[in-house]
Amino acid sequence: MHSQRNVNYRLGGGEWVPWFINTLEQNLCTQCCTCVRVCPAQVFKRTVKGTVEPTNRNNCIGCTVCSHQCPAGAIVCAALPAETQP
Protein backbone atom coordinates (compact mmCIF):
# COMPACT_ATOMS: atom_id res chain seq x y z
CA MET A 1 0.00 0.00 0.00
CA HIS A 2 1.25 3.48 -0.86
CA SER A 3 0.24 6.77 0.71
CA GLN A 4 0.97 10.26 -0.54
CA ARG A 5 1.32 13.43 1.50
CA ASN A 6 1.27 16.96 0.17
CA VAL A 7 4.35 18.37 1.92
CA ASN A 8 6.74 20.94 0.47
CA TYR A 9 10.36 20.90 1.61
CA ARG A 10 13.19 23.33 1.02
CA LEU A 11 16.54 22.05 -0.12
CA GLY A 12 18.23 20.82 3.03
CA GLY A 13 15.02 19.76 4.79
CA GLY A 14 12.42 21.52 6.84
CA GLU A 15 8.99 22.77 5.94
CA TRP A 16 8.71 25.13 2.96
CA VAL A 17 7.48 28.62 3.85
CA PRO A 18 6.33 30.99 1.07
CA TRP A 19 8.04 34.38 0.85
CA PHE A 20 5.12 36.04 -0.91
CA ILE A 21 1.36 35.89 -1.17
CA ASN A 22 -0.65 35.94 -4.37
CA THR A 23 -3.68 38.18 -4.44
CA LEU A 24 -6.53 37.89 -6.90
CA GLU A 25 -7.88 41.31 -7.85
CA GLN A 26 -11.57 40.53 -8.39
CA ASN A 27 -12.21 43.86 -10.14
CA LEU A 28 -9.72 42.83 -12.88
CA CYS A 29 -10.58 39.13 -13.05
CA THR A 30 -12.52 38.10 -16.18
CA GLN A 31 -13.38 34.63 -14.77
CA CYS A 32 -11.51 32.97 -17.66
CA CYS A 33 -10.23 30.22 -15.31
CA THR A 34 -6.70 30.26 -16.73
CA CYS A 35 -5.34 30.23 -13.16
CA VAL A 36 -7.53 27.24 -12.32
CA ARG A 37 -6.10 25.33 -15.29
CA VAL A 38 -2.41 26.25 -14.93
CA CYS A 39 -1.88 26.12 -11.16
CA PRO A 40 -0.01 22.89 -10.35
CA ALA A 41 -1.03 23.14 -6.68
CA GLN A 42 -4.76 23.68 -7.34
CA VAL A 43 -4.84 26.91 -5.36
CA PHE A 44 -7.64 28.45 -7.45
CA LYS A 45 -11.17 27.09 -7.86
CA ARG A 46 -14.35 28.22 -9.58
CA THR A 47 -16.95 28.63 -6.85
CA VAL A 48 -20.62 27.68 -6.95
CA LYS A 49 -21.35 31.38 -7.61
CA GLY A 50 -19.21 31.15 -10.77
CA THR A 51 -16.36 33.31 -9.48
CA VAL A 52 -12.71 32.29 -9.31
CA GLU A 53 -11.24 32.29 -5.80
CA PRO A 54 -7.90 31.31 -4.26
CA THR A 55 -9.47 28.68 -2.00
CA ASN A 56 -6.33 26.67 -1.17
CA ARG A 57 -3.65 29.31 -0.50
CA ASN A 58 -1.74 26.98 1.82
CA ASN A 59 -1.08 24.69 -1.16
CA CYS A 60 0.80 27.43 -3.06
CA ILE A 61 4.31 26.29 -4.09
CA GLY A 62 5.48 29.74 -5.18
CA CYS A 63 5.91 29.00 -8.89
CA THR A 64 4.11 32.25 -9.95
CA VAL A 65 2.65 30.53 -13.03
CA CYS A 66 -0.77 31.95 -12.16
CA SER A 67 0.38 35.56 -12.26
CA HIS A 68 2.41 35.07 -15.45
CA GLN A 69 -0.43 33.33 -17.31
CA CYS A 70 -3.34 35.54 -16.20
CA PRO A 71 -4.39 37.46 -19.34
CA ALA A 72 -6.08 40.19 -17.28
CA GLY A 73 -3.17 40.74 -14.89
CA ALA A 74 -5.53 40.05 -12.00
CA ILE A 75 -3.08 37.99 -9.93
CA VAL A 76 -0.32 39.82 -8.10
CA CYS A 77 2.49 38.04 -6.26
CA ALA A 78 3.62 40.41 -3.52
CA ALA A 79 6.54 39.84 -1.16
CA LEU A 80 5.69 39.20 2.46
CA PRO A 81 7.07 41.69 4.98
CA ALA A 82 10.67 40.87 5.93
CA GLU A 83 9.73 40.13 9.54
CA THR A 84 7.48 37.25 8.43
CA GLN A 85 10.10 35.64 6.19
CA PRO A 86 12.33 32.91 7.63
PDB file of N, CA and C in Angstrom:
ATOM      1  N   MET A   1       0.844  -1.177   0.000  1.00  0.00           N
ATOM      2  CA  MET A   1       0.000   0.000   0.000  1.00  0.00           C
ATOM      3  C   MET A   1       0.891   1.243   0.000  1.00  0.00           C
ATOM      4  N   HIS A   2       0.462   2.254  -0.685  1.00  0.00           N
ATOM      5  CA  HIS A   2       1.246   3.476  -0.856  1.00  0.00           C
ATOM      6  C   HIS A   2       0.400   4.675  -0.450  1.00  0.00           C
ATOM      7  N   SER A   3       0.964   5.553   0.351  1.00  0.00           N
ATOM      8  CA  SER A   3       0.239   6.772   0.712  1.00  0.00           C
ATOM      9  C   SER A   3       1.029   7.977   0.237  1.00  0.00           C
ATOM     10  N   GLN A   4       0.334   9.043  -0.035  1.00  0.00           N
ATOM     11  CA  GLN A   4       0.971  10.256  -0.542  1.00  0.00           C
ATOM     12  C   GLN A   4       0.582  11.423   0.338  1.00  0.00           C
ATOM     13  N   ARG A   5       1.576  12.229   0.717  1.00  0.00           N
ATOM     14  CA  ARG A   5       1.320  13.433   1.505  1.00  0.00           C
ATOM     15  C   ARG A   5       1.716  14.645   0.690  1.00  0.00           C
ATOM     16  N   ASN A   6       0.974  15.704   0.846  1.00  0.00           N
ATOM     17  CA  ASN A   6       1.275  16.959   0.173  1.00  0.00           C
ATOM     18  C   ASN A   6       2.133  17.819   1.091  1.00  0.00           C
ATOM     19  N   VAL A   7       3.435  17.618   1.069  1.00  0.00           N
ATOM     20  CA  VAL A   7       4.350  18.371   1.919  1.00  0.00           C
ATOM     21  C   VAL A   7       5.424  18.983   1.038  1.00  0.00           C
ATOM     22  N   ASN A   8       5.699  20.249   1.237  1.00  0.00           N
ATOM     23  CA  ASN A   8       6.740  20.935   0.469  1.00  0.00           C
ATOM     24  C   ASN A   8       7.961  21.146   1.348  1.00  0.00           C
ATOM     25  N   TYR A   9       9.118  20.755   0.854  1.00  0.00           N
ATOM     26  CA  TYR A   9      10.358  20.899   1.609  1.00  0.00           C
ATOM     27  C   TYR A   9      11.345  21.771   0.858  1.00  0.00           C
ATOM     28  N   ARG A  10      12.086  22.560   1.586  1.00  0.00           N
ATOM     29  CA  ARG A  10      13.185  23.331   1.023  1.00  0.00           C
ATOM     30  C   ARG A  10      14.375  22.407   0.854  1.00  0.00           C
ATOM     31  N   LEU A  11      15.295  22.788  -0.001  1.00  0.00           N
ATOM     32  CA  LEU A  11      16.536  22.053  -0.123  1.00  0.00           C
ATOM     33  C   LEU A  11      17.212  22.047   1.236  1.00  0.00           C
ATOM     34  N   GLY A  12      17.596  20.899   1.718  1.00  0.00           N
ATOM     35  CA  GLY A  12      18.228  20.818   3.025  1.00  0.00           C
ATOM     36  C   GLY A  12      17.266  20.422   4.126  1.00  0.00           C
ATOM     37  N   GLY A  13      16.001  20.224   3.810  1.00  0.00           N
ATOM     38  CA  GLY A  13      15.024  19.764   4.792  1.00  0.00           C
ATOM     39  C   GLY A  13      14.251  20.897   5.425  1.00  0.00           C
ATOM     40  N   GLY A  14      13.261  20.531   6.178  1.00  0.00           N
ATOM     41  CA  GLY A  14      12.416  21.517   6.844  1.00  0.00           C
ATOM     42  C   GLY A  14      11.209  21.870   6.002  1.00  0.00           C
ATOM     43  N   GLU A  15      10.214  22.408   6.634  1.00  0.00           N
ATOM     44  CA  GLU A  15       8.990  22.770   5.937  1.00  0.00           C
ATOM     45  C   GLU A  15       9.198  24.002   5.076  1.00  0.00           C
ATOM     46  N   TRP A  16       8.607  23.997   3.880  1.00  0.00           N
ATOM     47  CA  TRP A  16       8.715  25.125   2.961  1.00  0.00           C
ATOM     48  C   TRP A  16       7.775  26.232   3.419  1.00  0.00           C
ATOM     49  N   VAL A  17       8.277  27.459   3.447  1.00  0.00           N
ATOM     50  CA  VAL A  17       7.484  28.620   3.848  1.00  0.00           C
ATOM     51  C   VAL A  17       7.506  29.625   2.701  1.00  0.00           C
ATOM     52  N   PRO A  18       6.339  30.037   2.184  1.00  0.00           N
ATOM     53  CA  PRO A  18       6.326  30.991   1.073  1.00  0.00           C
ATOM     54  C   PRO A  18       6.834  32.362   1.500  1.00  0.00           C
ATOM     55  N   TRP A  19       7.506  33.047   0.582  1.00  0.00           N
ATOM     56  CA  TRP A  19       8.038  34.382   0.852  1.00  0.00           C
ATOM     57  C   TRP A  19       7.148  35.466   0.250  1.00  0.00           C
ATOM     58  N   PHE A  20       6.046  35.076  -0.328  1.00  0.00           N
ATOM     59  CA  PHE A  20       5.119  36.044  -0.908  1.00  0.00           C
ATOM     60  C   PHE A  20       3.711  35.480  -0.819  1.00  0.00           C
ATOM     61  N   ILE A  21       2.752  36.330  -1.121  1.00  0.00           N
ATOM     62  CA  ILE A  21       1.357  35.889  -1.174  1.00  0.00           C
ATOM     63  C   ILE A  21       0.774  36.367  -2.496  1.00  0.00           C
ATOM     64  N   ASN A  22      -0.013  35.504  -3.128  1.00  0.00           N
ATOM     65  CA  ASN A  22      -0.649  35.936  -4.369  1.00  0.00           C
ATOM     66  C   ASN A  22      -2.058  36.420  -4.057  1.00  0.00           C
ATOM     67  N   THR A  23      -2.390  37.533  -4.658  1.00  0.00           N
ATOM     68  CA  THR A  23      -3.677  38.179  -4.438  1.00  0.00           C
ATOM     69  C   THR A  23      -4.433  38.223  -5.755  1.00  0.00           C
ATOM     70  N   LEU A  24      -5.683  37.834  -5.725  1.00  0.00           N
ATOM     71  CA  LEU A  24      -6.534  37.886  -6.905  1.00  0.00           C
ATOM     72  C   LEU A  24      -7.367  39.157  -6.836  1.00  0.00           C
ATOM     73  N   GLU A  25      -7.131  40.052  -7.779  1.00  0.00           N
ATOM     74  CA  GLU A  25      -7.884  41.313  -7.849  1.00  0.00           C
ATOM     75  C   GLU A  25      -9.202  41.041  -8.578  1.00  0.00           C
ATOM     76  N   GLN A  26     -10.284  40.888  -7.810  1.00  0.00           N
ATOM     77  CA  GLN A  26     -11.574  40.528  -8.392  1.00  0.00           C
ATOM     78  C   GLN A  26     -12.078  41.553  -9.406  1.00  0.00           C
ATOM     79  N   ASN A  27     -11.742  42.827  -9.202  1.00  0.00           N
ATOM     80  CA  ASN A  27     -12.211  43.859 -10.141  1.00  0.00           C
ATOM     81  C   ASN A  27     -11.538  43.737 -11.508  1.00  0.00           C
ATOM     82  N   LEU A  28     -10.404  43.044 -11.600  1.00  0.00           N
ATOM     83  CA  LEU A  28      -9.718  42.829 -12.877  1.00  0.00           C
ATOM     84  C   LEU A  28      -9.995  41.448 -13.466  1.00  0.00           C
ATOM     85  N   CYS A  29     -10.398  40.514 -12.628  1.00  0.00           N
ATOM     86  CA  CYS A  29     -10.585  39.125 -13.050  1.00  0.00           C
ATOM     87  C   CYS A  29     -11.739  39.010 -14.043  1.00  0.00           C
ATOM     88  N   THR A  30     -11.489  38.310 -15.154  1.00  0.00           N
ATOM     89  CA  THR A  30     -12.516  38.099 -16.181  1.00  0.00           C
ATOM     90  C   THR A  30     -13.172  36.727 -16.058  1.00  0.00           C
ATOM     91  N   GLN A  31     -12.830  35.971 -15.012  1.00  0.00           N
ATOM     92  CA  GLN A  31     -13.377  34.632 -14.767  1.00  0.00           C
ATOM     93  C   GLN A  31     -13.063  33.662 -15.909  1.00  0.00           C
ATOM     94  N   CYS A  32     -11.898  33.836 -16.540  1.00  0.00           N
ATOM     95  CA  CYS A  32     -11.510  32.973 -17.662  1.00  0.00           C
ATOM     96  C   CYS A  32     -11.027  31.597 -17.203  1.00  0.00           C
ATOM     97  N   CYS A  33     -10.684  31.471 -15.932  1.00  0.00           N
ATOM     98  CA  CYS A  33     -10.230  30.216 -15.310  1.00  0.00           C
ATOM     99  C   CYS A  33      -8.853  29.749 -15.771  1.00  0.00           C
ATOM    100  N   THR A  34      -8.061  30.639 -16.362  1.00  0.00           N
ATOM    101  CA  THR A  34      -6.699  30.260 -16.731  1.00  0.00           C
ATOM    102  C   THR A  34      -5.926  29.833 -15.490  1.00  0.00           C
ATOM    103  N   CYS A  35      -6.057  30.570 -14.403  1.00  0.00           N
ATOM    104  CA  CYS A  35      -5.344  30.233 -13.160  1.00  0.00           C
ATOM    105  C   CYS A  35      -5.759  28.864 -12.638  1.00  0.00           C
ATOM    106  N   VAL A  36      -7.032  28.538 -12.766  1.00  0.00           N
ATOM    107  CA  VAL A  36      -7.535  27.238 -12.321  1.00  0.00           C
ATOM    108  C   VAL A  36      -6.859  26.127 -13.120  1.00  0.00           C
ATOM    109  N   ARG A  37      -6.700  26.345 -14.424  1.00  0.00           N
ATOM    110  CA  ARG A  37      -6.104  25.328 -15.294  1.00  0.00           C
ATOM    111  C   ARG A  37      -4.598  25.197 -15.127  1.00  0.00           C
ATOM    112  N   VAL A  38      -3.882  26.312 -14.926  1.00  0.00           N
ATOM    113  CA  VAL A  38      -2.411  26.255 -14.933  1.00  0.00           C
ATOM    114  C   VAL A  38      -1.776  26.028 -13.568  1.00  0.00           C
ATOM    115  N   CYS A  39      -2.482  26.250 -12.492  1.00  0.00           N
ATOM    116  CA  CYS A  39      -1.885  26.124 -11.155  1.00  0.00           C
ATOM    117  C   CYS A  39      -1.607  24.656 -10.828  1.00  0.00           C
ATOM    118  N   PRO A  40      -0.326  24.286 -10.655  1.00  0.00           N
ATOM    119  CA  PRO A  40      -0.008  22.890 -10.353  1.00  0.00           C
ATOM    120  C   PRO A  40      -0.409  22.475  -8.938  1.00  0.00           C
ATOM    121  N   ALA A  41      -0.674  23.435  -8.070  1.00  0.00           N
ATOM    122  CA  ALA A  41      -1.030  23.137  -6.678  1.00  0.00           C
ATOM    123  C   ALA A  41      -2.529  23.270  -6.413  1.00  0.00           C
ATOM    124  N   GLN A  42      -3.301  23.546  -7.442  1.00  0.00           N
ATOM    125  CA  GLN A  42      -4.758  23.682  -7.341  1.00  0.00           C
ATOM    126  C   GLN A  42      -5.180  24.687  -6.274  1.00  0.00           C
ATOM    127  N   VAL A  43      -4.530  25.846  -6.308  1.00  0.00           N
ATOM    128  CA  VAL A  43      -4.842  26.914  -5.357  1.00  0.00           C
ATOM    129  C   VAL A  43      -6.166  27.582  -5.710  1.00  0.00           C
ATOM    130  N   PHE A  44      -6.452  27.727  -6.995  1.00  0.00           N
ATOM    131  CA  PHE A  44      -7.641  28.453  -7.450  1.00  0.00           C
ATOM    132  C   PHE A  44      -8.756  27.491  -7.841  1.00  0.00           C
ATOM    133  N   LYS A  45      -9.984  27.875  -7.518  1.00  0.00           N
ATOM    134  CA  LYS A  45     -11.172  27.086  -7.862  1.00  0.00           C
ATOM    135  C   LYS A  45     -12.266  28.022  -8.342  1.00  0.00           C
ATOM    136  N   ARG A  46     -13.134  27.495  -9.211  1.00  0.00           N
ATOM    137  CA  ARG A  46     -14.349  28.222  -9.579  1.00  0.00           C
ATOM    138  C   ARG A  46     -15.398  27.856  -8.535  1.00  0.00           C
ATOM    139  N   THR A  47     -15.979  28.870  -7.919  1.00  0.00           N
ATOM    140  CA  THR A  47     -16.951  28.632  -6.853  1.00  0.00           C
ATOM    141  C   THR A  47     -18.330  28.328  -7.425  1.00  0.00           C
ATOM    142  N   VAL A  48     -19.235  27.950  -6.560  1.00  0.00           N
ATOM    143  CA  VAL A  48     -20.615  27.682  -6.952  1.00  0.00           C
ATOM    144  C   VAL A  48     -21.245  28.928  -7.561  1.00  0.00           C
ATOM    145  N   LYS A  49     -20.831  30.111  -7.082  1.00  0.00           N
ATOM    146  CA  LYS A  49     -21.347  31.381  -7.606  1.00  0.00           C
ATOM    147  C   LYS A  49     -20.796  31.699  -8.993  1.00  0.00           C
ATOM    148  N   GLY A  50     -19.793  30.921  -9.451  1.00  0.00           N
ATOM    149  CA  GLY A  50     -19.207  31.154 -10.767  1.00  0.00           C
ATOM    150  C   GLY A  50     -17.991  32.057 -10.752  1.00  0.00           C
ATOM    151  N   THR A  51     -17.553  32.465  -9.569  1.00  0.00           N
ATOM    152  CA  THR A  51     -16.363  33.310  -9.483  1.00  0.00           C
ATOM    153  C   THR A  51     -15.131  32.455  -9.210  1.00  0.00           C
ATOM    154  N   VAL A  52     -13.971  32.968  -9.585  1.00  0.00           N
ATOM    155  CA  VAL A  52     -12.712  32.290  -9.314  1.00  0.00           C
ATOM    156  C   VAL A  52     -12.168  32.820  -7.995  1.00  0.00           C
ATOM    157  N   GLU A  53     -11.751  31.914  -7.120  1.00  0.00           N
ATOM    158  CA  GLU A  53     -11.242  32.294  -5.800  1.00  0.00           C
ATOM    159  C   GLU A  53      -9.993  31.482  -5.479  1.00  0.00           C
ATOM    160  N   PRO A  54      -9.036  32.083  -4.759  1.00  0.00           N
ATOM    161  CA  PRO A  54      -7.896  31.305  -4.264  1.00  0.00           C
ATOM    162  C   PRO A  54      -8.312  30.575  -2.985  1.00  0.00           C
ATOM    163  N   THR A  55      -8.885  29.391  -3.137  1.00  0.00           N
ATOM    164  CA  THR A  55      -9.466  28.676  -2.003  1.00  0.00           C
ATOM    165  C   THR A  55      -8.467  27.822  -1.233  1.00  0.00           C
ATOM    166  N   ASN A  56      -7.316  27.541  -1.821  1.00  0.00           N
ATOM    167  CA  ASN A  56      -6.332  26.673  -1.175  1.00  0.00           C
ATOM    168  C   ASN A  56      -4.970  27.351  -1.106  1.00  0.00           C
ATOM    169  N   ARG A  57      -4.906  28.548  -0.548  1.00  0.00           N
ATOM    170  CA  ARG A  57      -3.645  29.314  -0.499  1.00  0.00           C
ATOM    171  C   ARG A  57      -2.496  28.562   0.160  1.00  0.00           C
ATOM    172  N   ASN A  58      -2.794  27.723   1.135  1.00  0.00           N
ATOM    173  CA  ASN A  58      -1.736  26.979   1.821  1.00  0.00           C
ATOM    174  C   ASN A  58      -1.052  25.964   0.917  1.00  0.00           C
ATOM    175  N   ASN A  59      -1.682  25.627  -0.209  1.00  0.00           N
ATOM    176  CA  ASN A  59      -1.078  24.690  -1.162  1.00  0.00           C
ATOM    177  C   ASN A  59      -0.077  25.367  -2.091  1.00  0.00           C
ATOM    178  N   CYS A  60      -0.045  26.685  -2.121  1.00  0.00           N
ATOM    179  CA  CYS A  60       0.800  27.431  -3.062  1.00  0.00           C
ATOM    180  C   CYS A  60       2.262  27.009  -2.930  1.00  0.00           C
ATOM    181  N   ILE A  61       2.898  26.700  -4.080  1.00  0.00           N
ATOM    182  CA  ILE A  61       4.307  26.292  -4.089  1.00  0.00           C
ATOM    183  C   ILE A  61       5.223  27.420  -4.542  1.00  0.00           C
ATOM    184  N   GLY A  62       4.662  28.574  -4.838  1.00  0.00           N
ATOM    185  CA  GLY A  62       5.478  29.736  -5.176  1.00  0.00           C
ATOM    186  C   GLY A  62       6.020  29.761  -6.585  1.00  0.00           C
ATOM    187  N   CYS A  63       5.392  29.058  -7.514  1.00  0.00           N
ATOM    188  CA  CYS A  63       5.915  29.001  -8.887  1.00  0.00           C
ATOM    189  C   CYS A  63       5.575  30.252  -9.700  1.00  0.00           C
ATOM    190  N   THR A  64       4.604  31.023  -9.307  1.00  0.00           N
ATOM    191  CA  THR A  64       4.107  32.253  -9.948  1.00  0.00           C
ATOM    192  C   THR A  64       3.541  32.041 -11.356  1.00  0.00           C
ATOM    193  N   VAL A  65       3.244  30.799 -11.717  1.00  0.00           N
ATOM    194  CA  VAL A  65       2.653  30.526 -13.029  1.00  0.00           C
ATOM    195  C   VAL A  65       1.320  31.256 -13.166  1.00  0.00           C
ATOM    196  N   CYS A  66       0.544  31.298 -12.101  1.00  0.00           N
ATOM    197  CA  CYS A  66      -0.771  31.946 -12.158  1.00  0.00           C
ATOM    198  C   CYS A  66      -0.656  33.405 -12.573  1.00  0.00           C
ATOM    199  N   SER A  67       0.255  34.131 -11.955  1.00  0.00           N
ATOM    200  CA  SER A  67       0.378  35.558 -12.261  1.00  0.00           C
ATOM    201  C   SER A  67       0.953  35.790 -13.656  1.00  0.00           C
ATOM    202  N   HIS A  68       1.829  34.915 -14.113  1.00  0.00           N
ATOM    203  CA  HIS A  68       2.411  35.069 -15.447  1.00  0.00           C
ATOM    204  C   HIS A  68       1.432  34.701 -16.561  1.00  0.00           C
ATOM    205  N   GLN A  69       0.508  33.794 -16.284  1.00  0.00           N
ATOM    206  CA  GLN A  69      -0.430  33.334 -17.307  1.00  0.00           C
ATOM    207  C   GLN A  69      -1.761  34.080 -17.317  1.00  0.00           C
ATOM    208  N   CYS A  70      -2.059  34.831 -16.271  1.00  0.00           N
ATOM    209  CA  CYS A  70      -3.341  35.539 -16.203  1.00  0.00           C
ATOM    210  C   CYS A  70      -3.409  36.615 -17.286  1.00  0.00           C
ATOM    211  N   PRO A  71      -4.323  36.477 -18.258  1.00  0.00           N
ATOM    212  CA  PRO A  71      -4.390  37.457 -19.345  1.00  0.00           C
ATOM    213  C   PRO A  71      -4.865  38.836 -18.891  1.00  0.00           C
ATOM    214  N   ALA A  72      -5.559  38.911 -17.769  1.00  0.00           N
ATOM    215  CA  ALA A  72      -6.082  40.188 -17.277  1.00  0.00           C
ATOM    216  C   ALA A  72      -5.137  40.863 -16.289  1.00  0.00           C
ATOM    217  N   GLY A  73      -4.075  40.176 -15.891  1.00  0.00           N
ATOM    218  CA  GLY A  73      -3.168  40.738 -14.887  1.00  0.00           C
ATOM    219  C   GLY A  73      -3.825  40.867 -13.528  1.00  0.00           C
ATOM    220  N   ALA A  74      -4.760  39.956 -13.233  1.00  0.00           N
ATOM    221  CA  ALA A  74      -5.533  40.051 -11.997  1.00  0.00           C
ATOM    222  C   ALA A  74      -4.858  39.388 -10.800  1.00  0.00           C
ATOM    223  N   ILE A  75      -3.764  38.667 -11.030  1.00  0.00           N
ATOM    224  CA  ILE A  75      -3.081  37.991  -9.926  1.00  0.00           C
ATOM    225  C   ILE A  75      -1.738  38.660  -9.694  1.00  0.00           C
ATOM    226  N   VAL A  76      -1.556  39.127  -8.475  1.00  0.00           N
ATOM    227  CA  VAL A  76      -0.324  39.823  -8.098  1.00  0.00           C
ATOM    228  C   VAL A  76       0.388  39.000  -7.034  1.00  0.00           C
ATOM    229  N   CYS A  77       1.674  38.731  -7.256  1.00  0.00           N
ATOM    230  CA  CYS A  77       2.487  38.038  -6.256  1.00  0.00           C
ATOM    231  C   CYS A  77       3.312  39.090  -5.540  1.00  0.00           C
ATOM    232  N   ALA A  78       2.952  39.371  -4.302  1.00  0.00           N
ATOM    233  CA  ALA A  78       3.621  40.412  -3.521  1.00  0.00           C
ATOM    234  C   ALA A  78       4.467  39.782  -2.425  1.00  0.00           C
ATOM    235  N   ALA A  79       5.643  40.349  -2.196  1.00  0.00           N
ATOM    236  CA  ALA A  79       6.540  39.840  -1.156  1.00  0.00           C
ATOM    237  C   ALA A  79       5.928  40.045   0.217  1.00  0.00           C
ATOM    238  N   LEU A  80       6.119  39.062   1.070  1.00  0.00           N
ATOM    239  CA  LEU A  80       5.693  39.197   2.462  1.00  0.00           C
ATOM    240  C   LEU A  80       6.632  40.161   3.170  1.00  0.00           C
ATOM    241  N   PRO A  81       6.178  40.827   4.206  1.00  0.00           N
ATOM    242  CA  PRO A  81       7.072  41.694   4.976  1.00  0.00           C
ATOM    243  C   PRO A  81       8.273  40.899   5.492  1.00  0.00           C
ATOM    244  N   ALA A  82       9.425  41.535   5.547  1.00  0.00           N
ATOM    245  CA  ALA A  82      10.670  40.868   5.932  1.00  0.00           C
ATOM    246  C   ALA A  82      10.568  40.169   7.280  1.00  0.00           C
ATOM    247  N   GLU A  83       9.815  40.736   8.208  1.00  0.00           N
ATOM    248  CA  GLU A  83       9.732  40.131   9.540  1.00  0.00           C
ATOM    249  C   GLU A  83       8.977  38.804   9.548  1.00  0.00           C
ATOM    250  N   THR A  84       8.196  38.519   8.490  1.00  0.00           N
ATOM    251  CA  THR A  84       7.480  37.246   8.430  1.00  0.00           C
ATOM    252  C   THR A  84       8.232  36.198   7.630  1.00  0.00           C
ATOM    253  N   GLN A  85       9.310  36.587   6.955  1.00  0.00           N
ATOM    254  CA  GLN A  85      10.104  35.636   6.187  1.00  0.00           C
ATOM    255  C   GLN A  85      11.079  34.922   7.106  1.00  0.00           C
ATOM    256  N   PRO A  86      11.387  33.652   6.789  1.00  0.00           N
ATOM    257  CA  PRO A  86      12.329  32.906   7.631  1.00  0.00           C
ATOM    258  C   PRO A  86      13.736  33.454   7.542  1.00  0.00           C
TER     259      PRO A  86
END
